[in-house]
């Protein structure tokens, strides 16, 4: 099977020997991941949900960025939640690494920032995990949906948050609002 990586290696061999200057070699060479990211980031920015914002701390490193989600409905309405997204070298064969940087009382996000979102799983039994056909757009839309239609109290990562919600929906909304509005106190 011909892959982009093998084609690039073969094309490099056909062009002949490179110059002995290692600097020109390293600046000219672009990884498969970075080629994919240029295309995917452009598509993502054109199709970003209105409740999301992207920030690239270093515009030359598309493999590391921050996502801010400001839900406009549901339990987390008017909250601001930040995620750190790092795309590994083996992307798109493996999913991006995502961590929630905002402390939150959420059934699918732990207080340490781990996230339960099926498409971020490298291996899944039900087939809803990561696949090379998925893109950053899927990841961002999935994270955004954790605050609305993908909010899952039946199969939680943070069992205590899910149980608390099921016991008392009103008290859970108050605790949620308190937790993300008092985050600056931590």
Protein backbone atom coordinates (compact mmCIF):
# COMPACT_ATOMS: atom_id res chain seq x y z
CA UNK A 1 0.00 0.00 0.00
CA UNK A 2 1.36 3.40 -0.96
CA UNK A 3 1.17 5.94 1.84
CA UNK A 4 1.94 9.64 1.77
CA UNK A 5 4.98 9.09 3.99
CA UNK A 6 6.43 6.41 1.73
CA UNK A 7 5.73 8.52 -1.37
CA UNK A 8 7.55 11.48 0.17
CA UNK A 9 10.54 9.28 1.00
CA UNK A 10 10.56 7.84 -2.52
CA UNK A 11 10.30 11.31 -4.07
CA UNK A 12 13.23 12.49 -1.93
CA UNK A 13 15.32 9.59 -3.24
CA UNK A 14 14.42 10.40 -6.88
CA UNK A 15 15.48 14.05 -6.50
CA UNK A 16 19.01 12.95 -5.71
CA UNK A 17 21.31 13.65 -2.82
CA UNK A 18 20.53 16.62 -0.65
CA UNK A 19 22.88 19.37 0.26
CA UNK A 20 25.03 18.76 3.28
CA UNK A 21 23.51 21.71 5.12
CA UNK A 22 21.36 20.18 7.90
CA UNK A 23 19.55 23.45 8.53
CA UNK A 24 18.06 23.64 5.04
CA UNK A 25 17.04 19.96 5.29
CA UNK A 26 15.20 20.39 8.59
CA UNK A 27 13.43 23.58 7.57
CA UNK A 28 12.37 22.17 4.20
CA UNK A 29 11.04 18.89 5.53
CA UNK A 30 7.42 18.95 6.65
CA UNK A 31 5.83 16.03 8.48
CA UNK A 32 2.67 14.31 7.30
CA UNK A 33 0.99 15.47 10.50
CA UNK A 34 1.85 19.09 9.78
CA UNK A 35 0.59 18.84 6.20
CA UNK A 36 -2.71 17.46 7.48
CA UNK A 37 -2.92 20.14 10.17
CA UNK A 38 -2.56 23.00 7.70
CA UNK A 39 -5.62 21.73 5.83
CA UNK A 40 -7.61 20.71 8.92
CA UNK A 41 -7.02 23.93 10.86
CA UNK A 42 -8.20 26.00 7.89
CA UNK A 43 -11.33 23.83 7.61
CA UNK A 44 -11.87 23.97 11.36
CA UNK A 45 -11.62 27.74 11.53
CA UNK A 46 -14.16 28.02 8.68
CA UNK A 47 -16.60 25.66 10.49
CA UNK A 48 -16.01 26.51 14.15
CA UNK A 49 -19.11 26.41 16.38
CA UNK A 50 -20.14 29.89 17.52
CA UNK A 51 -19.57 28.79 21.13
CA UNK A 52 -15.89 27.93 20.50
CA UNK A 53 -12.68 29.86 20.05
CA UNK A 54 -9.22 28.62 19.05
CA UNK A 55 -5.94 30.09 20.23
CA UNK A 56 -2.52 29.08 18.95
CA UNK A 57 0.13 30.18 21.48
CA UNK A 58 2.75 29.70 18.74
CA UNK A 59 1.29 30.18 15.25
CA UNK A 60 4.15 28.08 13.82
CA UNK A 61 3.05 25.05 15.86
CA UNK A 62 -0.35 23.94 14.65
CA UNK A 63 -0.01 20.74 16.67
CA UNK A 64 -0.60 22.57 19.97
CA UNK A 65 -3.54 24.86 20.62
CA UNK A 66 -6.13 25.91 23.17
CA UNK A 67 -9.86 25.62 22.70
CA UNK A 68 -12.29 27.73 24.70
CA UNK A 69 -15.91 26.59 24.89
CA UNK A 70 -18.64 29.00 26.07
CA UNK A 71 -21.89 26.99 26.13
CA UNK A 72 -24.97 29.04 25.30
CA UNK A 73 -27.48 26.51 26.66
CA UNK A 74 -27.86 23.75 29.25
CA UNK A 75 -26.31 23.28 32.70
CA UNK A 76 -23.06 24.95 31.75
CA UNK A 77 -24.58 27.98 30.01
CA UNK A 78 -22.48 31.15 30.36
CA UNK A 79 -19.48 29.16 31.58
CA UNK A 80 -16.02 29.33 30.04
CA UNK A 81 -14.06 26.11 29.70
CA UNK A 82 -10.59 25.78 28.29
CA UNK A 83 -9.06 22.68 26.71
CA UNK A 84 -5.47 21.96 25.76
CA UNK A 85 -5.14 19.99 22.53
CA UNK A 86 -1.88 18.43 21.44
CA UNK A 87 -1.65 16.53 18.18
CA UNK A 88 0.96 13.73 18.35
CA UNK A 89 3.45 12.94 15.58
CA UNK A 90 1.51 9.78 14.68
CA UNK A 91 -1.64 11.80 13.89
CA UNK A 92 -3.99 10.86 12.09
CA UNK A 93 -3.45 7.24 13.04
CA UNK A 94 -3.83 8.18 16.73
CA UNK A 95 -6.16 10.78 18.24
CA UNK A 96 -5.11 14.14 19.63
CA UNK A 97 -4.38 14.34 23.36
CA UNK A 98 -6.96 16.56 25.05
CA UNK A 99 -7.06 17.87 28.61
CA UNK A 100 -9.60 20.17 30.26
CA UNK A 101 -7.72 23.00 31.97
CA UNK A 102 -10.78 24.36 33.77
CA UNK A 103 -11.87 22.65 36.97
CA UNK A 104 -15.40 21.51 36.38
CA UNK A 105 -18.06 19.33 38.01
CA UNK A 106 -19.02 17.27 34.99
CA UNK A 107 -19.92 13.57 34.60
CA UNK A 108 -17.64 13.16 31.57
CA UNK A 109 -14.67 15.24 32.76
CA UNK A 110 -12.66 14.56 35.91
CA UNK A 111 -11.48 17.31 38.22
CA UNK A 112 -7.94 16.63 36.96
CA UNK A 113 -8.99 17.28 33.34
CA UNK A 114 -9.35 13.77 31.90
CA UNK A 115 -12.11 13.55 29.31
CA UNK A 116 -14.48 10.73 28.42
CA UNK A 117 -15.33 11.23 24.76
CA UNK A 118 -15.50 8.12 22.62
CA UNK A 119 -13.86 9.61 19.56
CA UNK A 120 -10.73 10.35 21.62
CA UNK A 121 -10.26 6.65 22.36
CA UNK A 122 -7.59 5.01 20.27
CA UNK A 123 -9.27 1.63 20.57
CA UNK A 124 -12.97 1.12 21.13
CA UNK A 125 -15.10 -1.97 21.02
CA UNK A 126 -18.19 -0.24 19.64
CA UNK A 127 -16.41 1.39 16.69
CA UNK A 128 -17.06 4.95 17.84
CA UNK A 129 -13.42 5.59 18.76
CA UNK A 130 -10.71 7.29 16.78
CA UNK A 131 -10.30 6.45 13.10
CA UNK A 132 -7.94 8.01 10.52
CA UNK A 133 -10.99 9.48 8.80
CA UNK A 134 -11.71 11.70 11.81
CA UNK A 135 -10.42 15.27 11.94
CA UNK A 136 -9.82 18.08 14.39
CA UNK A 137 -13.26 19.39 13.49
CA UNK A 138 -14.77 16.20 14.92
CA UNK A 139 -12.77 16.66 18.13
CA UNK A 140 -13.80 20.30 18.61
CA UNK A 141 -17.46 19.61 17.84
CA UNK A 142 -17.35 16.63 20.22
CA UNK A 143 -15.87 18.70 23.05
CA UNK A 144 -18.44 21.41 22.44
CA UNK A 145 -21.21 18.79 22.55
CA UNK A 146 -20.07 17.56 25.97
CA UNK A 147 -21.92 20.57 27.34
CA UNK A 148 -25.17 19.87 25.49
CA UNK A 149 -26.28 16.71 23.69
CA UNK A 150 -23.30 14.46 24.60
CA UNK A 151 -23.60 15.15 28.32
CA UNK A 152 -23.82 11.57 29.61
CA UNK A 153 -24.97 10.75 33.14
CA UNK A 154 -25.45 7.04 32.41
CA UNK A 155 -21.82 6.14 31.60
CA UNK A 156 -19.80 8.71 33.55
CA UNK A 157 -16.08 9.16 34.04
CA UNK A 158 -16.74 11.30 37.13
CA UNK A 159 -19.18 9.00 38.92
CA UNK A 160 -19.64 11.34 41.88
CA UNK A 161 -20.71 14.23 39.61
CA UNK A 162 -23.18 12.00 37.75
CA UNK A 163 -24.66 10.61 40.98
CA UNK A 164 -24.95 14.11 42.40
CA UNK A 165 -26.82 15.24 39.31
CA UNK A 166 -29.19 12.30 39.38
CA UNK A 167 -29.93 12.91 43.08
CA UNK A 168 -30.61 16.59 42.79
CA UNK A 169 -30.65 18.38 39.44
CA UNK A 170 -31.16 21.85 40.97
CA UNK A 171 -28.32 21.50 43.46
CA UNK A 172 -26.06 20.16 40.67
CA UNK A 173 -26.70 23.28 38.57
CA UNK A 174 -25.84 25.51 41.54
CA UNK A 175 -22.67 23.51 42.32
CA UNK A 176 -21.64 23.64 38.67
CA UNK A 177 -22.17 27.38 38.46
CA UNK A 178 -20.25 27.91 41.71
CA UNK A 179 -17.33 25.73 40.65
CA UNK A 180 -16.61 27.38 37.32
CA UNK A 181 -17.32 30.93 38.52
CA UNK A 182 -14.97 30.55 41.51
CA UNK A 183 -12.13 28.97 39.53
CA UNK A 184 -9.92 32.02 40.06
CA UNK A 185 -9.88 31.22 43.79
CA UNK A 186 -7.93 27.97 43.27
